[in-house]
Amino acid sequence: MPRTLLKDEHWTKLLPILRDLGIYSKPNLRRILEGILYRIRTGIPWRDLPEYFGKYHTVYTVLRPIIFWNGFSRNNSGSRL
């Protein structure tokens, strides 16, 4: 199992933001978001995402609305996610 980043405190604050973006609360949404963070942290290709996080295409599909949200469209270095 890969290391995860989200603590319960962060998750409770993040869930309403995701709902506002139109990302509905699936039972595995937290694991999918952990997959997004894992991919960003490690820089691996989407297809190499560990199955622990779900199918890579599902994880990427959840990421798309977050990317196009103005507050998260680019990271601090200005490069794309």
PDB file of N, CA and C in Angstrom:
ATOM      1  N   MET A   1       0.840  -1.183   0.000  1.00  0.00           N
ATOM      2  CA  MET A   1       0.000   0.000   0.000  1.00  0.00           C
ATOM      3  C   MET A   1       0.884   1.245   0.000  1.00  0.00           C
ATOM      4  N   PRO A   2       0.665   2.155  -0.937  1.00  0.00           N
ATOM      5  CA  PRO A   2       1.450   3.389  -0.990  1.00  0.00           C
ATOM      6  C   PRO A   2       1.152   4.307   0.197  1.00  0.00           C
ATOM      7  N   ARG A   3       2.104   5.162   0.490  1.00  0.00           N
ATOM      8  CA  ARG A   3       1.886   6.163   1.537  1.00  0.00           C
ATOM      9  C   ARG A   3       0.806   7.135   1.106  1.00  0.00           C
ATOM     10  N   THR A   4       0.007   7.561   2.052  1.00  0.00           N
ATOM     11  CA  THR A   4      -1.037   8.532   1.752  1.00  0.00           C
ATOM     12  C   THR A   4      -0.744   9.842   2.495  1.00  0.00           C
ATOM     13  N   LEU A   5      -1.372  10.907   2.058  1.00  0.00           N
ATOM     14  CA  LEU A   5      -1.082  12.237   2.594  1.00  0.00           C
ATOM     15  C   LEU A   5      -2.217  12.859   3.389  1.00  0.00           C
ATOM     16  N   LEU A   6      -3.457  12.537   3.048  1.00  0.00           N
ATOM     17  CA  LEU A   6      -4.595  13.235   3.636  1.00  0.00           C
ATOM     18  C   LEU A   6      -4.918  12.732   5.035  1.00  0.00           C
ATOM     19  N   LYS A   7      -4.912  13.633   5.980  1.00  0.00           N
ATOM     20  CA  LYS A   7      -5.365  13.309   7.325  1.00  0.00           C
ATOM     21  C   LYS A   7      -6.871  13.548   7.378  1.00  0.00           C
ATOM     22  N   ASP A   8      -7.532  12.967   8.359  1.00  0.00           N
ATOM     23  CA  ASP A   8      -8.983  13.126   8.485  1.00  0.00           C
ATOM     24  C   ASP A   8      -9.385  14.598   8.578  1.00  0.00           C
ATOM     25  N   GLU A   9      -8.600  15.386   9.264  1.00  0.00           N
ATOM     26  CA  GLU A   9      -8.888  16.813   9.411  1.00  0.00           C
ATOM     27  C   GLU A   9      -8.904  17.519   8.052  1.00  0.00           C
ATOM     28  N   HIS A  10      -7.924  17.196   7.203  1.00  0.00           N
ATOM     29  CA  HIS A  10      -7.865  17.808   5.870  1.00  0.00           C
ATOM     30  C   HIS A  10      -9.018  17.325   4.998  1.00  0.00           C
ATOM     31  N   TRP A  11      -9.339  16.045   5.112  1.00  0.00           N
ATOM     32  CA  TRP A  11     -10.390  15.468   4.281  1.00  0.00           C
ATOM     33  C   TRP A  11     -11.740  16.120   4.581  1.00  0.00           C
ATOM     34  N   THR A  12     -12.043  16.364   5.852  1.00  0.00           N
ATOM     35  CA  THR A  12     -13.328  16.972   6.193  1.00  0.00           C
ATOM     36  C   THR A  12     -13.436  18.402   5.659  1.00  0.00           C
ATOM     37  N   LYS A  13     -12.317  19.085   5.519  1.00  0.00           N
ATOM     38  CA  LYS A  13     -12.327  20.437   4.952  1.00  0.00           C
ATOM     39  C   LYS A  13     -12.374  20.408   3.425  1.00  0.00           C
ATOM     40  N   LEU A  14     -11.789  19.393   2.832  1.00  0.00           N
ATOM     41  CA  LEU A  14     -11.694  19.314   1.380  1.00  0.00           C
ATOM     42  C   LEU A  14     -12.968  18.792   0.725  1.00  0.00           C
ATOM     43  N   LEU A  15     -13.696  17.922   1.407  1.00  0.00           N
ATOM     44  CA  LEU A  15     -14.886  17.313   0.822  1.00  0.00           C
ATOM     45  C   LEU A  15     -15.931  18.334   0.370  1.00  0.00           C
ATOM     46  N   PRO A  16     -16.267  19.367   1.160  1.00  0.00           N
ATOM     47  CA  PRO A  16     -17.235  20.364   0.664  1.00  0.00           C
ATOM     48  C   PRO A  16     -16.739  21.122  -0.575  1.00  0.00           C
ATOM     49  N   ILE A  17     -15.444  21.355  -0.666  1.00  0.00           N
ATOM     50  CA  ILE A  17     -14.883  22.038  -1.839  1.00  0.00           C
ATOM     51  C   ILE A  17     -15.060  21.166  -3.078  1.00  0.00           C
ATOM     52  N   LEU A  18     -14.794  19.880  -2.940  1.00  0.00           N
ATOM     53  CA  LEU A  18     -14.967  18.968  -4.067  1.00  0.00           C
ATOM     54  C   LEU A  18     -16.431  18.905  -4.494  1.00  0.00           C
ATOM     55  N   ARG A  19     -17.343  18.907  -3.548  1.00  0.00           N
ATOM     56  CA  ARG A  19     -18.768  18.906  -3.890  1.00  0.00           C
ATOM     57  C   ARG A  19     -19.148  20.177  -4.637  1.00  0.00           C
ATOM     58  N   ASP A  20     -18.591  21.317  -4.238  1.00  0.00           N
ATOM     59  CA  ASP A  20     -18.857  22.574  -4.937  1.00  0.00           C
ATOM     60  C   ASP A  20     -18.356  22.531  -6.378  1.00  0.00           C
ATOM     61  N   LEU A  21     -17.306  21.746  -6.618  1.00  0.00           N
ATOM     62  CA  LEU A  21     -16.766  21.602  -7.973  1.00  0.00           C
ATOM     63  C   LEU A  21     -17.561  20.599  -8.806  1.00  0.00           C
ATOM     64  N   GLY A  22     -18.575  19.979  -8.186  1.00  0.00           N
ATOM     65  CA  GLY A  22     -19.387  19.012  -8.904  1.00  0.00           C
ATOM     66  C   GLY A  22     -18.827  17.607  -8.851  1.00  0.00           C
ATOM     67  N   ILE A  23     -17.876  17.369  -7.971  1.00  0.00           N
ATOM     68  CA  ILE A  23     -17.317  16.024  -7.808  1.00  0.00           C
ATOM     69  C   ILE A  23     -18.097  15.375  -6.682  1.00  0.00           C
ATOM     70  N   TYR A  24     -18.934  14.414  -7.053  1.00  0.00           N
ATOM     71  CA  TYR A  24     -19.806  13.821  -6.051  1.00  0.00           C
ATOM     72  C   TYR A  24     -19.030  12.864  -5.153  1.00  0.00           C
ATOM     73  N   SER A  25     -19.590  12.615  -4.004  1.00  0.00           N
ATOM     74  CA  SER A  25     -18.914  11.809  -2.983  1.00  0.00           C
ATOM     75  C   SER A  25     -19.147  10.322  -3.236  1.00  0.00           C
ATOM     76  N   LYS A  26     -18.180   9.675  -3.849  1.00  0.00           N
ATOM     77  CA  LYS A  26     -18.213   8.233  -4.049  1.00  0.00           C
ATOM     78  C   LYS A  26     -17.558   7.579  -2.839  1.00  0.00           C
ATOM     79  N   PRO A  27     -17.825   6.312  -2.595  1.00  0.00           N
ATOM     80  CA  PRO A  27     -17.194   5.650  -1.451  1.00  0.00           C
ATOM     81  C   PRO A  27     -15.665   5.674  -1.513  1.00  0.00           C
ATOM     82  N   ASN A  28     -15.103   5.667  -2.701  1.00  0.00           N
ATOM     83  CA  ASN A  28     -13.644   5.641  -2.842  1.00  0.00           C
ATOM     84  C   ASN A  28     -13.053   6.989  -3.260  1.00  0.00           C
ATOM     85  N   LEU A  29     -13.795   8.077  -3.081  1.00  0.00           N
ATOM     86  CA  LEU A  29     -13.319   9.392  -3.520  1.00  0.00           C
ATOM     87  C   LEU A  29     -12.033   9.793  -2.802  1.00  0.00           C
ATOM     88  N   ARG A  30     -11.947   9.492  -1.538  1.00  0.00           N
ATOM     89  CA  ARG A  30     -10.728   9.854  -0.803  1.00  0.00           C
ATOM     90  C   ARG A  30      -9.520   9.111  -1.363  1.00  0.00           C
ATOM     91  N   ARG A  31      -9.703   7.842  -1.692  1.00  0.00           N
ATOM     92  CA  ARG A  31      -8.602   7.061  -2.254  1.00  0.00           C
ATOM     93  C   ARG A  31      -8.221   7.590  -3.637  1.00  0.00           C
ATOM     94  N   ILE A  32      -9.211   8.009  -4.410  1.00  0.00           N
ATOM     95  CA  ILE A  32      -8.941   8.587  -5.734  1.00  0.00           C
ATOM     96  C   ILE A  32      -8.135   9.877  -5.580  1.00  0.00           C
ATOM     97  N   LEU A  33      -8.535  10.733  -4.648  1.00  0.00           N
ATOM     98  CA  LEU A  33      -7.802  11.977  -4.424  1.00  0.00           C
ATOM     99  C   LEU A  33      -6.386  11.693  -3.937  1.00  0.00           C
ATOM    100  N   GLU A  34      -6.234  10.680  -3.109  1.00  0.00           N
ATOM    101  CA  GLU A  34      -4.896  10.260  -2.682  1.00  0.00           C
ATOM    102  C   GLU A  34      -4.072   9.828  -3.894  1.00  0.00           C
ATOM    103  N   GLY A  35      -4.710   9.187  -4.866  1.00  0.00           N
ATOM    104  CA  GLY A  35      -4.026   8.786  -6.093  1.00  0.00           C
ATOM    105  C   GLY A  35      -3.538   9.985  -6.888  1.00  0.00           C
ATOM    106  N   ILE A  36      -4.359  11.039  -6.932  1.00  0.00           N
ATOM    107  CA  ILE A  36      -3.948  12.273  -7.608  1.00  0.00           C
ATOM    108  C   ILE A  36      -2.724  12.857  -6.921  1.00  0.00           C
ATOM    109  N   LEU A  37      -2.769  12.935  -5.612  1.00  0.00           N
ATOM    110  CA  LEU A  37      -1.635  13.482  -4.862  1.00  0.00           C
ATOM    111  C   LEU A  37      -0.394  12.607  -5.017  1.00  0.00           C
ATOM    112  N   TYR A  38      -0.582  11.297  -5.038  1.00  0.00           N
ATOM    113  CA  TYR A  38       0.535  10.365  -5.208  1.00  0.00           C
ATOM    114  C   TYR A  38       1.194  10.572  -6.571  1.00  0.00           C
ATOM    115  N   ARG A  39       0.375  10.715  -7.598  1.00  0.00           N
ATOM    116  CA  ARG A  39       0.897  10.902  -8.953  1.00  0.00           C
ATOM    117  C   ARG A  39       1.653  12.222  -9.065  1.00  0.00           C
ATOM    118  N   ILE A  40       1.129  13.285  -8.449  1.00  0.00           N
ATOM    119  CA  ILE A  40       1.803  14.580  -8.479  1.00  0.00           C
ATOM    120  C   ILE A  40       3.120  14.502  -7.716  1.00  0.00           C
ATOM    121  N   ARG A  41       3.093  13.838  -6.559  1.00  0.00           N
ATOM    122  CA  ARG A  41       4.290  13.749  -5.713  1.00  0.00           C
ATOM    123  C   ARG A  41       5.396  12.930  -6.369  1.00  0.00           C
ATOM    124  N   THR A  42       5.043  11.834  -7.028  1.00  0.00           N
ATOM    125  CA  THR A  42       6.059  10.938  -7.583  1.00  0.00           C
ATOM    126  C   THR A  42       6.413  11.252  -9.031  1.00  0.00           C
ATOM    127  N   GLY A  43       5.496  11.877  -9.776  1.00  0.00           N
ATOM    128  CA  GLY A  43       5.760  12.194 -11.179  1.00  0.00           C
ATOM    129  C   GLY A  43       5.639  10.999 -12.109  1.00  0.00           C
ATOM    130  N   ILE A  44       4.998   9.926 -11.670  1.00  0.00           N
ATOM    131  CA  ILE A  44       4.857   8.736 -12.508  1.00  0.00           C
ATOM    132  C   ILE A  44       3.823   8.971 -13.603  1.00  0.00           C
ATOM    133  N   PRO A  45       3.898   8.205 -14.691  1.00  0.00           N
ATOM    134  CA  PRO A  45       2.842   8.284 -15.703  1.00  0.00           C
ATOM    135  C   PRO A  45       1.519   7.778 -15.119  1.00  0.00           C
ATOM    136  N   TRP A  46       0.408   8.277 -15.664  1.00  0.00           N
ATOM    137  CA  TRP A  46      -0.896   7.859 -15.160  1.00  0.00           C
ATOM    138  C   TRP A  46      -1.058   6.351 -15.185  1.00  0.00           C
ATOM    139  N   ARG A  47      -0.609   5.718 -16.234  1.00  0.00           N
ATOM    140  CA  ARG A  47      -0.792   4.267 -16.373  1.00  0.00           C
ATOM    141  C   ARG A  47      -0.037   3.469 -15.321  1.00  0.00           C
ATOM    142  N   ASP A  48       0.937   4.075 -14.680  1.00  0.00           N
ATOM    143  CA  ASP A  48       1.715   3.381 -13.648  1.00  0.00           C
ATOM    144  C   ASP A  48       1.181   3.628 -12.237  1.00  0.00           C
ATOM    145  N   LEU A  49       0.048   4.285 -12.124  1.00  0.00           N
ATOM    146  CA  LEU A  49      -0.543   4.541 -10.812  1.00  0.00           C
ATOM    147  C   LEU A  49      -0.910   3.207 -10.152  1.00  0.00           C
ATOM    148  N   PRO A  50      -0.498   2.972  -8.907  1.00  0.00           N
ATOM    149  CA  PRO A  50      -0.821   1.707  -8.243  1.00  0.00           C
ATOM    150  C   PRO A  50      -2.330   1.471  -8.190  1.00  0.00           C
ATOM    151  N   GLU A  51      -2.728   0.220  -8.334  1.00  0.00           N
ATOM    152  CA  GLU A  51      -4.148  -0.131  -8.359  1.00  0.00           C
ATOM    153  C   GLU A  51      -4.846   0.165  -7.042  1.00  0.00           C
ATOM    154  N   TYR A  52      -4.088   0.373  -5.997  1.00  0.00           N
ATOM    155  CA  TYR A  52      -4.661   0.726  -4.697  1.00  0.00           C
ATOM    156  C   TYR A  52      -5.578   1.940  -4.818  1.00  0.00           C
ATOM    157  N   PHE A  53      -5.252   2.867  -5.706  1.00  0.00           N
ATOM    158  CA  PHE A  53      -6.001   4.108  -5.874  1.00  0.00           C
ATOM    159  C   PHE A  53      -7.172   3.972  -6.844  1.00  0.00           C
ATOM    160  N   GLY A  54      -7.297   2.870  -7.507  1.00  0.00           N
ATOM    161  CA  GLY A  54      -8.346   2.661  -8.494  1.00  0.00           C
ATOM    162  C   GLY A  54      -7.765   2.697  -9.897  1.00  0.00           C
ATOM    163  N   LYS A  55      -8.638   2.604 -10.890  1.00  0.00           N
ATOM    164  CA  LYS A  55      -8.192   2.653 -12.284  1.00  0.00           C
ATOM    165  C   LYS A  55      -7.638   4.040 -12.588  1.00  0.00           C
ATOM    166  N   TYR A  56      -6.522   4.073 -13.298  1.00  0.00           N
ATOM    167  CA  TYR A  56      -5.871   5.364 -13.556  1.00  0.00           C
ATOM    168  C   TYR A  56      -6.785   6.309 -14.314  1.00  0.00           C
ATOM    169  N   HIS A  57      -7.594   5.797 -15.223  1.00  0.00           N
ATOM    170  CA  HIS A  57      -8.478   6.671 -15.997  1.00  0.00           C
ATOM    171  C   HIS A  57      -9.542   7.300 -15.097  1.00  0.00           C
ATOM    172  N   THR A  58     -10.048   6.557 -14.134  1.00  0.00           N
ATOM    173  CA  THR A  58     -11.024   7.092 -13.189  1.00  0.00           C
ATOM    174  C   THR A  58     -10.403   8.202 -12.356  1.00  0.00           C
ATOM    175  N   VAL A  59      -9.179   7.982 -11.891  1.00  0.00           N
ATOM    176  CA  VAL A  59      -8.495   8.989 -11.082  1.00  0.00           C
ATOM    177  C   VAL A  59      -8.281  10.259 -11.899  1.00  0.00           C
ATOM    178  N   TYR A  60      -7.854  10.111 -13.148  1.00  0.00           N
ATOM    179  CA  TYR A  60      -7.640  11.276 -14.007  1.00  0.00           C
ATOM    180  C   TYR A  60      -8.956  12.004 -14.295  1.00  0.00           C
ATOM    181  N   THR A  61     -10.031  11.253 -14.494  1.00  0.00           N
ATOM    182  CA  THR A  61     -11.328  11.858 -14.778  1.00  0.00           C
ATOM    183  C   THR A  61     -11.806  12.720 -13.613  1.00  0.00           C
ATOM    184  N   VAL A  62     -11.523  12.298 -12.391  1.00  0.00           N
ATOM    185  CA  VAL A  62     -11.880  13.097 -11.223  1.00  0.00           C
ATOM    186  C   VAL A  62     -10.994  14.340 -11.153  1.00  0.00           C
ATOM    187  N   LEU A  63      -9.754  14.242 -11.613  1.00  0.00           N
ATOM    188  CA  LEU A  63      -8.829  15.370 -11.564  1.00  0.00           C
ATOM    189  C   LEU A  63      -9.212  16.495 -12.526  1.00  0.00           C
ATOM    190  N   ARG A  64      -9.797  16.180 -13.661  1.00  0.00           N
ATOM    191  CA  ARG A  64     -10.075  17.191 -14.694  1.00  0.00           C
ATOM    192  C   ARG A  64     -10.828  18.420 -14.186  1.00  0.00           C
ATOM    193  N   PRO A  65     -11.942  18.286 -13.439  1.00  0.00           N
ATOM    194  CA  PRO A  65     -12.613  19.507 -12.961  1.00  0.00           C
ATOM    195  C   PRO A  65     -11.738  20.307 -11.997  1.00  0.00           C
ATOM    196  N   ILE A  66     -10.881  19.631 -11.263  1.00  0.00           N
ATOM    197  CA  ILE A  66      -9.996  20.331 -10.335  1.00  0.00           C
ATOM    198  C   ILE A  66      -8.972  21.149 -11.120  1.00  0.00           C
ATOM    199  N   ILE A  67      -8.461  20.593 -12.208  1.00  0.00           N
ATOM    200  CA  ILE A  67      -7.481  21.294 -13.036  1.00  0.00           C
ATOM    201  C   ILE A  67      -8.063  22.581 -13.597  1.00  0.00           C
ATOM    202  N   PHE A  68      -9.314  22.523 -14.034  1.00  0.00           N
ATOM    203  CA  PHE A  68      -9.916  23.679 -14.686  1.00  0.00           C
ATOM    204  C   PHE A  68     -10.529  24.673 -13.717  1.00  0.00           C
ATOM    205  N   TRP A  69     -10.481  24.382 -12.440  1.00  0.00           N
ATOM    206  CA  TRP A  69     -10.906  25.325 -11.417  1.00  0.00           C
ATOM    207  C   TRP A  69      -9.808  26.374 -11.303  1.00  0.00           C
ATOM    208  N   ASN A  70     -10.126  27.641 -11.337  1.00  0.00           N
ATOM    209  CA  ASN A  70      -9.133  28.721 -11.373  1.00  0.00           C
ATOM    210  C   ASN A  70      -8.102  28.654 -10.264  1.00  0.00           C
ATOM    211  N   GLY A  71      -8.505  28.272  -9.066  1.00  0.00           N
ATOM    212  CA  GLY A  71      -7.576  28.269  -7.946  1.00  0.00           C
ATOM    213  C   GLY A  71      -6.575  27.141  -7.969  1.00  0.00           C
ATOM    214  N   PHE A  72      -6.712  26.194  -8.900  1.00  0.00           N
ATOM    215  CA  PHE A  72      -5.837  25.028  -8.873  1.00  0.00           C
ATOM    216  C   PHE A  72      -5.373  24.657 -10.281  1.00  0.00           C
ATOM    217  N   SER A  73      -5.453  25.606 -11.218  1.00  0.00           N
ATOM    218  CA  SER A  73      -5.129  25.276 -12.597  1.00  0.00           C
ATOM    219  C   SER A  73      -3.634  25.146 -12.841  1.00  0.00           C
ATOM    220  N   ARG A  74      -2.824  25.743 -11.988  1.00  0.00           N
ATOM    221  CA  ARG A  74      -1.370  25.614 -12.101  1.00  0.00           C
ATOM    222  C   ARG A  74      -0.786  25.530 -10.700  1.00  0.00           C
ATOM    223  N   ASN A  75       0.275  24.757 -10.559  1.00  0.00           N
ATOM    224  CA  ASN A  75       0.922  24.706  -9.245  1.00  0.00           C
ATOM    225  C   ASN A  75       1.865  25.906  -9.101  1.00  0.00           C
ATOM    226  N   ASN A  76       2.568  25.997  -8.012  1.00  0.00           N
ATOM    227  CA  ASN A  76       3.392  27.178  -7.730  1.00  0.00           C
ATOM    228  C   ASN A  76       4.479  27.432  -8.759  1.00  0.00           C
ATOM    229  N   SER A  77       4.994  26.399  -9.400  1.00  0.00           N
ATOM    230  CA  SER A  77       6.079  26.589 -10.357  1.00  0.00           C
ATOM    231  C   SER A  77       5.548  27.021 -11.728  1.00  0.00           C
ATOM    232  N   GLY A  78       4.232  26.997 -11.902  1.00  0.00           N
ATOM    233  CA  GLY A  78       3.664  27.414 -13.182  1.00  0.00           C
ATOM    234  C   GLY A  78       3.551  26.277 -14.184  1.00  0.00           C
ATOM    235  N   SER A  79       3.978  25.070 -13.830  1.00  0.00           N
ATOM    236  CA  SER A  79       3.865  23.960 -14.767  1.00  0.00           C
ATOM    237  C   SER A  79       2.505  23.297 -14.622  1.00  0.00           C
ATOM    238  N   ARG A  80       2.113  22.595 -15.646  1.00  0.00           N
ATOM    239  CA  ARG A  80       0.808  21.926 -15.625  1.00  0.00           C
ATOM    240  C   ARG A  80       0.891  20.660 -14.792  1.00  0.00           C
ATOM    241  N   LEU A  81      -0.289  20.263 -14.251  1.00  0.00           N
ATOM    242  CA  LEU A  81      -0.351  19.025 -13.470  1.00  0.00           C
ATOM    243  C   LEU A  81      -0.347  17.854 -14.373  1.00  0.00           C
TER     244      LEU A  81
END
